[in-house]
Amino acid sequence: MSKPIALFNMRRPWMKEQVLVVAPPEFEVKFLETNDRATRESLLGEADFLMTTTCPAAWVPLLKRCKLVQHQGVGHEGVDLEALSEAGIPFALTPEGTVFGVAEHTVLFMLALSKQLVRVHEYVRSGKFDCFEWRPGSHFLNGRTVGIVGFGRIGRRVAHLVKAFGVNLLYSDVVRADEALERELNATFVPLETLLAEADIVSVHTPLTAETEGMFGAGQFARMKPGALFVITGRGKTYDMDALYESLKAGHLAGAGLDVFNPEPPPPDHPILQLPNVIATPHMATGTVEAHRQKARAQFENFQRVLREEEPFNVVNTPKAAAPAGT
């Protein structure tokens, strides 16, 4: 009897290695790593399971055997959920691995901006060494007010990490956390306007929805505390990059840590990338070896659940017909 085929849409050799290291023996693993249309259509047609970050409507009719489409992470703007639902194919997310990587990257931004790490590093590399030169612009994380916008898995993990630094923690979300969690994290629920006015550091972790798209514009940056830091590791379309640049250039905000942009990649000549108080990374906050290995384990676990006729974890669509049985 042939093994079920798990097709992974990835090309990077080190990423494929993480998949193969944890792959259970009952699966045949293949990789979608070509732009050749005929090859792609053939592979999609034989896949029992597909792991991908994109799944346009044109792919869905090709998924004749597919029992589950699994996303690499959680942001699924490139997936046609309606087409998958119409075809009876469930679609699931992989939050595993994402939470720790993004939360650590967020705190990295907070610390690096507070201590002017990149600028000081370049200063020393240039041959200068005045140990008092940069102190006027350097600050503790301890004692500062951190405002977390979006208190889901990642926002809560960030709260857990910064608690160790002795910060004053505020959060804003459409759904308030339960009182026990608030006590555990020493987190105070406030309206967004209050958070913007009081936080020394604003960190954004909302998903991209109709309500959150463009939620940070010129008005929101103007209402932030003078000298505050803006950190975003969520979705680029939730903030206005031009408005953020103007606020930073004017000196209202003291700095920004950006892992996501709109568009992506950002124009290389965008002036925000030239500001000395901006630290930018290429949408890589979750991207560690450990994260990708955790993701692969979770994805295979979901595939196994489907083979056992159990409900897969983290399904986000409602298939309108039974998923294909395959062969």
C-alpha atoms as a PDB file:
ATOM      1  CA  MET A   1       0.000   0.000   0.000  1.00  0.00           C
ATOM      2  CA  SER A   2       1.413   3.383  -0.967  1.00  0.00           C
ATOM      3  CA  LYS A   3       2.232   5.946   1.687  1.00  0.00           C
ATOM      4  CA  PRO A   4       0.230   9.176   1.902  1.00  0.00           C
ATOM      5  CA  ILE A   5       2.097  12.031   0.253  1.00  0.00           C
ATOM      6  CA  ALA A   6       2.859  15.137   2.303  1.00  0.00           C
ATOM      7  CA  LEU A   7       3.759  17.946  -0.079  1.00  0.00           C
ATOM      8  CA  PHE A   8       5.660  20.897   1.388  1.00  0.00           C
ATOM      9  CA  ASN A   9       5.782  24.131  -0.582  1.00  0.00           C
ATOM     10  CA  MET A  10       9.346  25.205   0.194  1.00  0.00           C
ATOM     11  CA  ARG A  11      12.699  25.530  -1.527  1.00  0.00           C
ATOM     12  CA  ARG A  12      15.293  26.417   1.082  1.00  0.00           C
ATOM     13  CA  PRO A  13      17.522  23.379   1.750  1.00  0.00           C
ATOM     14  CA  TRP A  14      17.802  24.054   5.494  1.00  0.00           C
ATOM     15  CA  MET A  15      14.009  24.270   5.807  1.00  0.00           C
ATOM     16  CA  LYS A  16      13.547  21.005   3.945  1.00  0.00           C
ATOM     17  CA  GLU A  17      16.093  19.436   6.272  1.00  0.00           C
ATOM     18  CA  GLN A  18      13.964  20.329   9.329  1.00  0.00           C
ATOM     19  CA  VAL A  19      10.955  18.654   7.726  1.00  0.00           C
ATOM     20  CA  LEU A  20      12.851  15.484   6.883  1.00  0.00           C
ATOM     21  CA  VAL A  21      14.389  15.255  10.352  1.00  0.00           C
ATOM     22  CA  VAL A  22      10.979  14.988  12.030  1.00  0.00           C
ATOM     23  CA  ALA A  23       8.956  13.286   9.263  1.00  0.00           C
ATOM     24  CA  PRO A  24       7.143  10.153  10.530  1.00  0.00           C
ATOM     25  CA  PRO A  25       7.988   7.033   8.500  1.00  0.00           C
ATOM     26  CA  GLU A  26       4.402   6.506   7.343  1.00  0.00           C
ATOM     27  CA  PHE A  27       4.576   9.556   5.034  1.00  0.00           C
ATOM     28  CA  GLU A  28       6.251  10.097   1.697  1.00  0.00           C
ATOM     29  CA  VAL A  29       7.563  13.651   1.753  1.00  0.00           C
ATOM     30  CA  LYS A  30       7.824  15.689  -1.414  1.00  0.00           C
ATOM     31  CA  PHE A  31       8.673  19.334  -1.991  1.00  0.00           C
ATOM     32  CA  LEU A  32       7.050  21.860  -4.287  1.00  0.00           C
ATOM     33  CA  GLU A  33      10.171  23.738  -5.302  1.00  0.00           C
ATOM     34  CA  THR A  34       9.737  24.674  -8.927  1.00  0.00           C
ATOM     35  CA  ASN A  35       7.919  27.270 -10.997  1.00  0.00           C
ATOM     36  CA  ASP A  36       7.386  24.782 -13.820  1.00  0.00           C
ATOM     37  CA  ARG A  37       3.608  24.675 -14.261  1.00  0.00           C
ATOM     38  CA  ALA A  38       3.337  21.053 -15.355  1.00  0.00           C
ATOM     39  CA  THR A  39       5.458  19.812 -12.466  1.00  0.00           C
ATOM     40  CA  ARG A  40       3.545  21.927  -9.964  1.00  0.00           C
ATOM     41  CA  GLU A  41       0.185  20.687 -11.217  1.00  0.00           C
ATOM     42  CA  SER A  42       1.368  17.079 -11.087  1.00  0.00           C
ATOM     43  CA  LEU A  43       2.615  17.391  -7.509  1.00  0.00           C
ATOM     44  CA  LEU A  44      -0.544  19.155  -6.324  1.00  0.00           C
ATOM     45  CA  GLY A  45      -2.633  16.449  -7.944  1.00  0.00           C
ATOM     46  CA  GLU A  46      -0.967  13.625  -6.031  1.00  0.00           C
ATOM     47  CA  ALA A  47      -0.710  15.345  -2.625  1.00  0.00           C
ATOM     48  CA  ASP A  48      -2.719  13.896   0.253  1.00  0.00           C
ATOM     49  CA  PHE A  49      -1.598  16.828   2.415  1.00  0.00           C
ATOM     50  CA  LEU A  50      -0.268  20.237   1.415  1.00  0.00           C
ATOM     51  CA  MET A  51       1.786  22.574   3.595  1.00  0.00           C
ATOM     52  CA  THR A  52       2.031  26.038   2.076  1.00  0.00           C
ATOM     53  CA  THR A  53       1.940  29.770   2.759  1.00  0.00           C
ATOM     54  CA  THR A  54      -0.097  30.465  -0.379  1.00  0.00           C
ATOM     55  CA  CYS A  55      -2.964  28.620  -1.996  1.00  0.00           C
ATOM     56  CA  PRO A  56      -4.668  30.620  -4.761  1.00  0.00           C
ATOM     57  CA  ALA A  57      -8.036  29.578  -6.125  1.00  0.00           C
ATOM     58  CA  ALA A  58      -6.369  28.209  -9.268  1.00  0.00           C
ATOM     59  CA  TRP A  59      -4.619  25.546  -7.200  1.00  0.00           C
ATOM     60  CA  VAL A  60      -7.723  24.180  -5.540  1.00  0.00           C
ATOM     61  CA  PRO A  61      -9.163  22.157  -8.473  1.00  0.00           C
ATOM     62  CA  LEU A  62      -5.770  20.458  -8.745  1.00  0.00           C
ATOM     63  CA  LEU A  63      -5.943  19.170  -5.165  1.00  0.00           C
ATOM     64  CA  LYS A  64      -7.863  16.043  -6.133  1.00  0.00           C
ATOM     65  CA  ARG A  65      -6.614  13.885  -3.250  1.00  0.00           C
ATOM     66  CA  CYS A  66      -5.911  16.517  -0.645  1.00  0.00           C
ATOM     67  CA  LYS A  67      -7.403  15.935   2.802  1.00  0.00           C
ATOM     68  CA  LEU A  68      -5.905  19.007   4.514  1.00  0.00           C
ATOM     69  CA  VAL A  69      -4.101  22.196   3.545  1.00  0.00           C
ATOM     70  CA  GLN A  70      -1.847  23.349   6.356  1.00  0.00           C
ATOM     71  CA  HIS A  71      -0.376  26.819   6.626  1.00  0.00           C
ATOM     72  CA  GLN A  72       3.249  27.342   7.602  1.00  0.00           C
ATOM     73  CA  GLY A  73       2.242  29.919  10.211  1.00  0.00           C
ATOM     74  CA  VAL A  74      -0.859  31.919  11.062  1.00  0.00           C
ATOM     75  CA  GLY A  75      -1.172  34.849   8.624  1.00  0.00           C
ATOM     76  CA  HIS A  76      -3.123  33.449   5.678  1.00  0.00           C
ATOM     77  CA  GLU A  77      -3.863  36.395   3.371  1.00  0.00           C
ATOM     78  CA  GLY A  78      -2.481  34.401   0.418  1.00  0.00           C
ATOM     79  CA  VAL A  79      -4.910  31.495   0.847  1.00  0.00           C
ATOM     80  CA  ASP A  80      -8.307  31.373  -0.872  1.00  0.00           C
ATOM     81  CA  LEU A  81     -10.401  30.063   2.005  1.00  0.00           C
ATOM     82  CA  GLU A  82     -13.650  30.218   0.058  1.00  0.00           C
ATOM     83  CA  ALA A  83     -12.300  28.037  -2.742  1.00  0.00           C
ATOM     84  CA  LEU A  84     -10.984  25.474  -0.255  1.00  0.00           C
ATOM     85  CA  SER A  85     -14.285  25.443   1.620  1.00  0.00           C
ATOM     86  CA  GLU A  86     -16.246  24.950  -1.600  1.00  0.00           C
ATOM     87  CA  ALA A  87     -13.968  22.035  -2.472  1.00  0.00           C
ATOM     88  CA  GLY A  88     -14.500  20.467   0.956  1.00  0.00           C
ATOM     89  CA  ILE A  89     -10.854  20.812   1.968  1.00  0.00           C
ATOM     90  CA  PRO A  90     -10.125  21.947   5.537  1.00  0.00           C
ATOM     91  CA  PHE A  91      -7.445  24.564   6.090  1.00  0.00           C
ATOM     92  CA  ALA A  92      -5.458  24.766   9.324  1.00  0.00           C
ATOM     93  CA  LEU A  93      -2.882  27.082  10.848  1.00  0.00           C
ATOM     94  CA  THR A  94       0.408  26.265  12.560  1.00  0.00           C
ATOM     95  CA  PRO A  95       0.811  28.568  15.575  1.00  0.00           C
ATOM     96  CA  GLU A  96       3.498  26.294  17.003  1.00  0.00           C
ATOM     97  CA  GLY A  97       6.979  27.782  16.746  1.00  0.00           C
ATOM     98  CA  THR A  98       5.640  31.209  15.824  1.00  0.00           C
ATOM     99  CA  VAL A  99       4.855  32.346  19.362  1.00  0.00           C
ATOM    100  CA  PHE A 100       8.300  32.004  20.926  1.00  0.00           C
ATOM    101  CA  GLY A 101      10.227  33.341  17.949  1.00  0.00           C
ATOM    102  CA  VAL A 102       8.100  36.432  17.436  1.00  0.00           C
ATOM    103  CA  ALA A 103       7.900  37.216  21.154  1.00  0.00           C
ATOM    104  CA  GLU A 104      11.676  36.991  21.570  1.00  0.00           C
ATOM    105  CA  HIS A 105      12.209  39.153  18.480  1.00  0.00           C
ATOM    106  CA  THR A 106       9.822  41.729  19.902  1.00  0.00           C
ATOM    107  CA  VAL A 107      11.768  41.960  23.154  1.00  0.00           C
ATOM    108  CA  LEU A 108      14.984  42.104  21.129  1.00  0.00           C
ATOM    109  CA  PHE A 109      13.649  45.223  19.407  1.00  0.00           C
ATOM    110  CA  MET A 110      12.647  46.777  22.741  1.00  0.00           C
ATOM    111  CA  LEU A 111      16.078  46.257  24.272  1.00  0.00           C
ATOM    112  CA  ALA A 112      18.065  47.205  21.167  1.00  0.00           C
ATOM    113  CA  LEU A 113      16.126  50.440  20.717  1.00  0.00           C
ATOM    114  CA  SER A 114      16.304  51.319  24.411  1.00  0.00           C
ATOM    115  CA  LYS A 115      20.095  50.895  24.429  1.00  0.00           C
ATOM    116  CA  GLN A 116      20.651  52.214  20.852  1.00  0.00           C
ATOM    117  CA  LEU A 117      22.417  48.934  20.145  1.00  0.00           C
ATOM    118  CA  VAL A 118      22.846  49.184  16.372  1.00  0.00           C
ATOM    119  CA  ARG A 119      24.072  52.782  16.430  1.00  0.00           C
ATOM    120  CA  VAL A 120      26.480  52.123  19.297  1.00  0.00           C
ATOM    121  CA  HIS A 121      27.799  49.031  17.539  1.00  0.00           C
ATOM    122  CA  GLU A 122      28.549  51.032  14.399  1.00  0.00           C
ATOM    123  CA  TYR A 123      30.137  53.766  16.541  1.00  0.00           C
ATOM    124  CA  VAL A 124      32.612  51.295  18.062  1.00  0.00           C
ATOM    125  CA  ARG A 125      33.281  49.683  14.661  1.00  0.00           C
ATOM    126  CA  SER A 126      34.237  53.126  13.363  1.00  0.00           C
ATOM    127  CA  GLY A 127      37.097  53.228  15.871  1.00  0.00           C
ATOM    128  CA  LYS A 128      35.491  55.468  18.500  1.00  0.00           C
ATOM    129  CA  PHE A 129      35.201  54.563  22.157  1.00  0.00           C
ATOM    130  CA  ASP A 130      33.722  57.164  24.463  1.00  0.00           C
ATOM    131  CA  CYS A 131      31.834  55.238  27.139  1.00  0.00           C
ATOM    132  CA  PHE A 132      29.717  58.294  28.022  1.00  0.00           C
ATOM    133  CA  GLU A 133      28.771  59.365  24.475  1.00  0.00           C
ATOM    134  CA  TRP A 134      25.583  57.308  24.221  1.00  0.00           C
ATOM    135  CA  ARG A 135      24.339  57.254  27.775  1.00  0.00           C
ATOM    136  CA  PRO A 136      22.018  60.293  27.494  1.00  0.00           C
ATOM    137  CA  GLY A 137      19.854  58.421  24.989  1.00  0.00           C
ATOM    138  CA  SER A 138      19.929  54.996  26.644  1.00  0.00           C
ATOM    139  CA  HIS A 139      17.200  53.740  28.949  1.00  0.00           C
ATOM    140  CA  PHE A 140      16.180  50.855  31.177  1.00  0.00           C
ATOM    141  CA  LEU A 141      13.370  48.565  30.152  1.00  0.00           C
ATOM    142  CA  ASN A 142      12.753  48.215  33.868  1.00  0.00           C
ATOM    143  CA  GLY A 143      10.140  50.649  35.123  1.00  0.00           C
ATOM    144  CA  ARG A 144       8.877  51.646  31.677  1.00  0.00           C
ATOM    145  CA  THR A 145       5.286  51.226  30.532  1.00  0.00           C
ATOM    146  CA  VAL A 146       4.871  48.673  27.762  1.00  0.00           C
ATOM    147  CA  GLY A 147       1.601  48.669  25.834  1.00  0.00           C
ATOM    148  CA  ILE A 148       0.662  45.509  23.946  1.00  0.00           C
ATOM    149  CA  VAL A 149      -1.947  45.883  21.208  1.00  0.00           C
ATOM    150  CA  GLY A 150      -3.412  42.458  20.482  1.00  0.00           C
ATOM    151  CA  PHE A 151      -3.340  40.043  23.408  1.00  0.00           C
ATOM    152  CA  GLY A 152      -3.451  36.687  21.669  1.00  0.00           C
ATOM    153  CA  ARG A 153      -0.836  33.938  21.850  1.00  0.00           C
ATOM    154  CA  ILE A 154       2.071  36.170  20.875  1.00  0.00           C
ATOM    155  CA  GLY A 155       0.984  39.250  22.811  1.00  0.00           C
ATOM    156  CA  ARG A 156       0.641  37.168  25.964  1.00  0.00           C
ATOM    157  CA  ARG A 157       4.044  35.588  25.464  1.00  0.00           C
ATOM    158  CA  VAL A 158       5.573  39.053  25.089  1.00  0.00           C
ATOM    159  CA  ALA A 159       3.828  40.030  28.326  1.00  0.00           C
ATOM    160  CA  HIS A 160       5.304  36.991  30.052  1.00  0.00           C
ATOM    161  CA  LEU A 161       8.820  37.901  28.897  1.00  0.00           C
ATOM    162  CA  VAL A 162       8.742  41.598  29.719  1.00  0.00           C
ATOM    163  CA  LYS A 163       7.260  40.904  33.150  1.00  0.00           C
ATOM    164  CA  ALA A 164      10.741  39.703  34.143  1.00  0.00           C
ATOM    165  CA  PHE A 165      12.107  43.191  33.415  1.00  0.00           C
ATOM    166  CA  GLY A 166       9.775  44.839  35.889  1.00  0.00           C
ATOM    167  CA  VAL A 167       7.725  46.852  33.416  1.00  0.00           C
ATOM    168  CA  ASN A 168       4.314  48.401  33.892  1.00  0.00           C
ATOM    169  CA  LEU A 169       2.188  46.400  31.460  1.00  0.00           C
ATOM    170  CA  LEU A 170      -0.906  47.651  29.632  1.00  0.00           C
ATOM    171  CA  TYR A 171      -2.802  45.799  26.944  1.00  0.00           C
ATOM    172  CA  SER A 172      -5.661  46.464  24.552  1.00  0.00           C
ATOM    173  CA  ASP A 173      -7.699  43.891  22.676  1.00  0.00           C
ATOM    174  CA  VAL A 174     -11.225  43.426  21.367  1.00  0.00           C
ATOM    175  CA  VAL A 175     -11.563  40.600  23.893  1.00  0.00           C
ATOM    176  CA  ARG A 176     -10.463  41.089  27.477  1.00  0.00           C
ATOM    177  CA  ALA A 177      -8.377  38.341  29.080  1.00  0.00           C
ATOM    178  CA  ASP A 178      -9.675  36.621  32.182  1.00  0.00           C
ATOM    179  CA  GLU A 179      -8.799  38.086  35.558  1.00  0.00           C
ATOM    180  CA  ALA A 180      -6.534  35.193  36.527  1.00  0.00           C
ATOM    181  CA  LEU A 181      -4.287  35.781  33.509  1.00  0.00           C
ATOM    182  CA  GLU A 182      -4.237  39.519  34.158  1.00  0.00           C
ATOM    183  CA  ARG A 183      -3.077  38.871  37.713  1.00  0.00           C
ATOM    184  CA  GLU A 184      -0.474  36.352  36.571  1.00  0.00           C
ATOM    185  CA  LEU A 185       1.040  38.787  34.059  1.00  0.00           C
ATOM    186  CA  ASN A 186       0.409  41.975  36.060  1.00  0.00           C
ATOM    187  CA  ALA A 187      -1.373  43.224  32.926  1.00  0.00           C
ATOM    188  CA  THR A 188      -3.945  46.017  32.931  1.00  0.00           C
ATOM    189  CA  PHE A 189      -6.656  46.144  30.281  1.00  0.00           C
ATOM    190  CA  VAL A 190      -7.186  49.657  28.870  1.00  0.00           C
ATOM    191  CA  PRO A 191      -8.784  51.227  25.795  1.00  0.00           C
ATOM    192  CA  LEU A 192      -6.400  51.750  22.883  1.00  0.00           C
ATOM    193  CA  GLU A 193      -6.453  55.526  23.313  1.00  0.00           C
ATOM    194  CA  THR A 194      -5.302  55.192  26.924  1.00  0.00           C
ATOM    195  CA  LEU A 195      -2.564  52.781  25.945  1.00  0.00           C
ATOM    196  CA  LEU A 196      -1.249  55.125  23.262  1.00  0.00           C
ATOM    197  CA  ALA A 197      -1.146  58.052  25.667  1.00  0.00           C
ATOM    198  CA  GLU A 198       0.606  56.207  28.494  1.00  0.00           C
ATOM    199  CA  ALA A 199       2.939  53.610  26.958  1.00  0.00           C
ATOM    200  CA  ASP A 200       6.668  54.226  26.565  1.00  0.00           C
ATOM    201  CA  ILE A 201       6.759  51.301  24.138  1.00  0.00           C
ATOM    202  CA  VAL A 202       3.845  50.244  21.928  1.00  0.00           C
ATOM    203  CA  SER A 203       4.090  46.703  20.544  1.00  0.00           C
ATOM    204  CA  VAL A 204       1.536  45.558  17.952  1.00  0.00           C
ATOM    205  CA  HIS A 205       0.414  41.934  17.639  1.00  0.00           C
ATOM    206  CA  THR A 206      -2.987  42.092  15.983  1.00  0.00           C
ATOM    207  CA  PRO A 207      -3.987  39.864  13.075  1.00  0.00           C
ATOM    208  CA  LEU A 208      -4.824  41.541   9.788  1.00  0.00           C
ATOM    209  CA  THR A 209      -8.582  42.043   9.555  1.00  0.00           C
ATOM    210  CA  ALA A 210     -10.909  44.648   8.110  1.00  0.00           C
ATOM    211  CA  GLU A 211     -10.891  46.307  11.536  1.00  0.00           C
ATOM    212  CA  THR A 212      -7.116  46.304  12.039  1.00  0.00           C
ATOM    213  CA  GLU A 213      -5.974  47.240   8.527  1.00  0.00           C
ATOM    214  CA  GLY A 214      -4.456  50.711   8.757  1.00  0.00           C
ATOM    215  CA  MET A 215      -5.247  50.995  12.469  1.00  0.00           C
ATOM    216  CA  PHE A 216      -1.995  52.896  13.091  1.00  0.00           C
ATOM    217  CA  GLY A 217      -1.850  56.089  11.083  1.00  0.00           C
ATOM    218  CA  ALA A 218      -0.832  59.695  11.628  1.00  0.00           C
ATOM    219  CA  GLY A 219      -3.523  60.230  14.261  1.00  0.00           C
ATOM    220  CA  GLN A 220      -2.482  57.270  16.368  1.00  0.00           C
ATOM    221  CA  PHE A 221       1.219  58.132  16.185  1.00  0.00           C
ATOM    222  CA  ALA A 222       0.414  61.718  17.197  1.00  0.00           C
ATOM    223  CA  ARG A 223      -1.463  60.448  20.252  1.00  0.00           C
ATOM    224  CA  MET A 224       1.461  58.305  21.385  1.00  0.00           C
ATOM    225  CA  LYS A 225       3.599  59.575  24.203  1.00  0.00           C
ATOM    226  CA  PRO A 226       6.438  61.882  23.067  1.00  0.00           C
ATOM    227  CA  GLY A 227       9.649  59.878  22.982  1.00  0.00           C
ATOM    228  CA  ALA A 228       7.841  56.526  22.782  1.00  0.00           C
ATOM    229  CA  LEU A 229       9.030  53.528  20.785  1.00  0.00           C
ATOM    230  CA  PHE A 230       6.900  51.702  18.204  1.00  0.00           C
ATOM    231  CA  VAL A 231       7.496  47.977  17.639  1.00  0.00           C
ATOM    232  CA  ILE A 232       5.640  45.836  15.132  1.00  0.00           C
ATOM    233  CA  THR A 233       6.178  42.151  14.377  1.00  0.00           C
ATOM    234  CA  GLY A 234       2.621  41.362  13.278  1.00  0.00           C
ATOM    235  CA  ARG A 235       1.253  42.497   9.913  1.00  0.00           C
ATOM    236  CA  GLY A 236       2.577  45.323   7.756  1.00  0.00           C
ATOM    237  CA  LYS A 237      -0.831  46.500   6.575  1.00  0.00           C
ATOM    238  CA  THR A 238      -1.847  47.426  10.119  1.00  0.00           C
ATOM    239  CA  TYR A 239       0.292  50.594  10.065  1.00  0.00           C
ATOM    240  CA  ASP A 240       1.025  53.480   7.729  1.00  0.00           C
ATOM    241  CA  MET A 241       4.754  53.429   7.032  1.00  0.00           C
ATOM    242  CA  ASP A 242       4.783  56.971   5.636  1.00  0.00           C
ATOM    243  CA  ALA A 243       2.989  58.350   8.690  1.00  0.00           C
ATOM    244  CA  LEU A 244       5.402  56.530  10.990  1.00  0.00           C
ATOM    245  CA  TYR A 245       8.333  58.026   9.094  1.00  0.00           C
ATOM    246  CA  GLU A 246       6.960  61.544   9.520  1.00  0.00           C
ATOM    247  CA  SER A 247       6.483  61.024  13.257  1.00  0.00           C
ATOM    248  CA  LEU A 248      10.018  59.683  13.665  1.00  0.00           C
ATOM    249  CA  LYS A 249      11.551  62.379  11.478  1.00  0.00           C
ATOM    250  CA  ALA A 250       9.782  65.093  13.474  1.00  0.00           C
ATOM    251  CA  GLY A 251      11.195  63.662  16.694  1.00  0.00           C
ATOM    252  CA  HIS A 252       7.826  62.867  18.234  1.00  0.00           C
ATOM    253  CA  LEU A 253       8.631  59.162  18.428  1.00  0.00           C
ATOM    254  CA  ALA A 254      12.092  58.123  19.553  1.00  0.00           C
ATOM    255  CA  GLY A 255      12.463  54.970  17.503  1.00  0.00           C
ATOM    256  CA  ALA A 256      10.862  51.983  15.827  1.00  0.00           C
ATOM    257  CA  GLY A 257      11.525  48.274  15.422  1.00  0.00           C
ATOM    258  CA  LEU A 258       9.993  46.946  12.201  1.00  0.00           C
ATOM    259  CA  ASP A 259       9.824  43.341  11.081  1.00  0.00           C
ATOM    260  CA  VAL A 260       6.850  43.817   8.724  1.00  0.00           C
ATOM    261  CA  PHE A 261       6.103  46.390   6.047  1.00  0.00           C
ATOM    262  CA  ASN A 262       3.520  47.486   3.521  1.00  0.00           C
ATOM    263  CA  PRO A 263       4.399  46.629   0.840  1.00  0.00           C
ATOM    264  CA  GLU A 264       6.809  43.754   1.366  1.00  0.00           C
ATOM    265  CA  PRO A 265       9.560  44.076   0.595  1.00  0.00           C
ATOM    266  CA  PRO A 266       9.540  47.815   1.259  1.00  0.00           C
ATOM    267  CA  PRO A 267      10.929  50.113  -1.425  1.00  0.00           C
ATOM    268  CA  PRO A 268      14.706  50.150  -0.855  1.00  0.00           C
ATOM    269  CA  ASP A 269      14.715  53.926  -1.149  1.00  0.00           C
ATOM    270  CA  HIS A 270      11.966  54.497   1.410  1.00  0.00           C
ATOM    271  CA  PRO A 271      13.301  57.143   3.812  1.00  0.00           C
ATOM    272  CA  ILE A 272      12.228  55.217   6.912  1.00  0.00           C
ATOM    273  CA  LEU A 273      15.013  52.733   6.204  1.00  0.00           C
ATOM    274  CA  GLN A 274      17.572  55.537   6.398  1.00  0.00           C
ATOM    275  CA  LEU A 275      16.601  56.784   9.841  1.00  0.00           C
ATOM    276  CA  PRO A 276      19.241  56.010  12.465  1.00  0.00           C
ATOM    277  CA  ASN A 277      16.603  55.277  15.121  1.00  0.00           C
ATOM    278  CA  VAL A 278      14.874  52.537  13.103  1.00  0.00           C
ATOM    279  CA  ILE A 279      15.842  48.873  13.308  1.00  0.00           C
ATOM    280  CA  ALA A 280      14.468  46.824  10.414  1.00  0.00           C
ATOM    281  CA  THR A 281      14.410  43.066   9.844  1.00  0.00           C
ATOM    282  CA  PRO A 282      12.956  41.206   6.815  1.00  0.00           C
ATOM    283  CA  HIS A 283       9.776  39.598   8.252  1.00  0.00           C
ATOM    284  CA  MET A 284      11.880  36.999  10.031  1.00  0.00           C
ATOM    285  CA  ALA A 285      10.794  37.259  13.657  1.00  0.00           C
ATOM    286  CA  THR A 286       9.623  33.675  13.837  1.00  0.00           C
ATOM    287  CA  GLY A 287      12.423  32.359  11.646  1.00  0.00           C
ATOM    288  CA  THR A 288      14.608  30.093  13.728  1.00  0.00           C
ATOM    289  CA  VAL A 289      15.738  26.525  13.176  1.00  0.00           C
ATOM    290  CA  GLU A 290      13.855  25.466  16.285  1.00  0.00           C
ATOM    291  CA  ALA A 291      10.680  27.178  15.133  1.00  0.00           C
ATOM    292  CA  HIS A 292      10.678  25.437  11.765  1.00  0.00           C
ATOM    293  CA  ARG A 293      11.274  22.068  13.386  1.00  0.00           C
ATOM    294  CA  GLN A 294       8.415  22.650  15.835  1.00  0.00           C
ATOM    295  CA  LYS A 295       6.178  23.663  12.954  1.00  0.00           C
ATOM    296  CA  ALA A 296       6.981  20.542  10.969  1.00  0.00           C
ATOM    297  CA  ARG A 297       6.211  18.329  13.968  1.00  0.00           C
ATOM    298  CA  ALA A 298       2.864  20.044  14.467  1.00  0.00           C
ATOM    299  CA  GLN A 299       2.019  19.770  10.779  1.00  0.00           C
ATOM    300  CA  PHE A 300       2.703  16.050  10.689  1.00  0.00           C
ATOM    301  CA  GLU A 301       0.670  15.618  13.859  1.00  0.00           C
ATOM    302  CA  ASN A 302      -2.279  17.246  12.107  1.00  0.00           C
ATOM    303  CA  PHE A 303      -1.803  14.999   9.076  1.00  0.00           C
ATOM    304  CA  GLN A 304      -1.832  11.963  11.377  1.00  0.00           C
ATOM    305  CA  ARG A 305      -5.008  13.179  13.053  1.00  0.00           C
ATOM    306  CA  VAL A 306      -6.744  13.381   9.688  1.00  0.00           C
ATOM    307  CA  LEU A 307      -5.609   9.867   8.785  1.00  0.00           C
ATOM    308  CA  ARG A 308      -7.141   8.688  12.076  1.00  0.00           C
ATOM    309  CA  GLU A 309     -10.334  10.523  11.081  1.00  0.00           C
ATOM    310  CA  GLU A 310      -9.912  12.968  13.957  1.00  0.00           C
ATOM    311  CA  GLU A 311     -10.525  16.704  13.762  1.00  0.00           C
ATOM    312  CA  PRO A 312      -7.269  18.531  12.901  1.00  0.00           C
ATOM    313  CA  PHE A 313      -6.076  21.280  15.206  1.00  0.00           C
ATOM    314  CA  ASN A 314      -6.455  24.996  14.368  1.00  0.00           C
ATOM    315  CA  VAL A 315      -8.858  24.660  11.435  1.00  0.00           C
ATOM    316  CA  VAL A 316     -10.116  28.083  10.323  1.00  0.00           C
ATOM    317  CA  ASN A 317     -12.558  27.322   7.495  1.00  0.00           C
ATOM    318  CA  THR A 318     -15.784  25.351   7.237  1.00  0.00           C
ATOM    319  CA  PRO A 319     -15.649  22.880   4.343  1.00  0.00           C
ATOM    320  CA  LYS A 320     -19.011  22.679   2.557  1.00  0.00           C
ATOM    321  CA  ALA A 321     -18.571  19.082   1.514  1.00  0.00           C
ATOM    322  CA  ALA A 322     -16.655  16.050   2.641  1.00  0.00           C
ATOM    323  CA  ALA A 323     -12.952  16.298   1.901  1.00  0.00           C
ATOM    324  CA  PRO A 324     -11.658  14.025  -0.898  1.00  0.00           C
ATOM    325  CA  ALA A 325     -11.035  10.502   0.303  1.00  0.00           C
ATOM    326  CA  GLY A 326      -7.908  10.062  -1.794  1.00  0.00           C
ATOM    327  CA  THR A 327      -6.529   6.701  -2.790  1.00  0.00           C
END
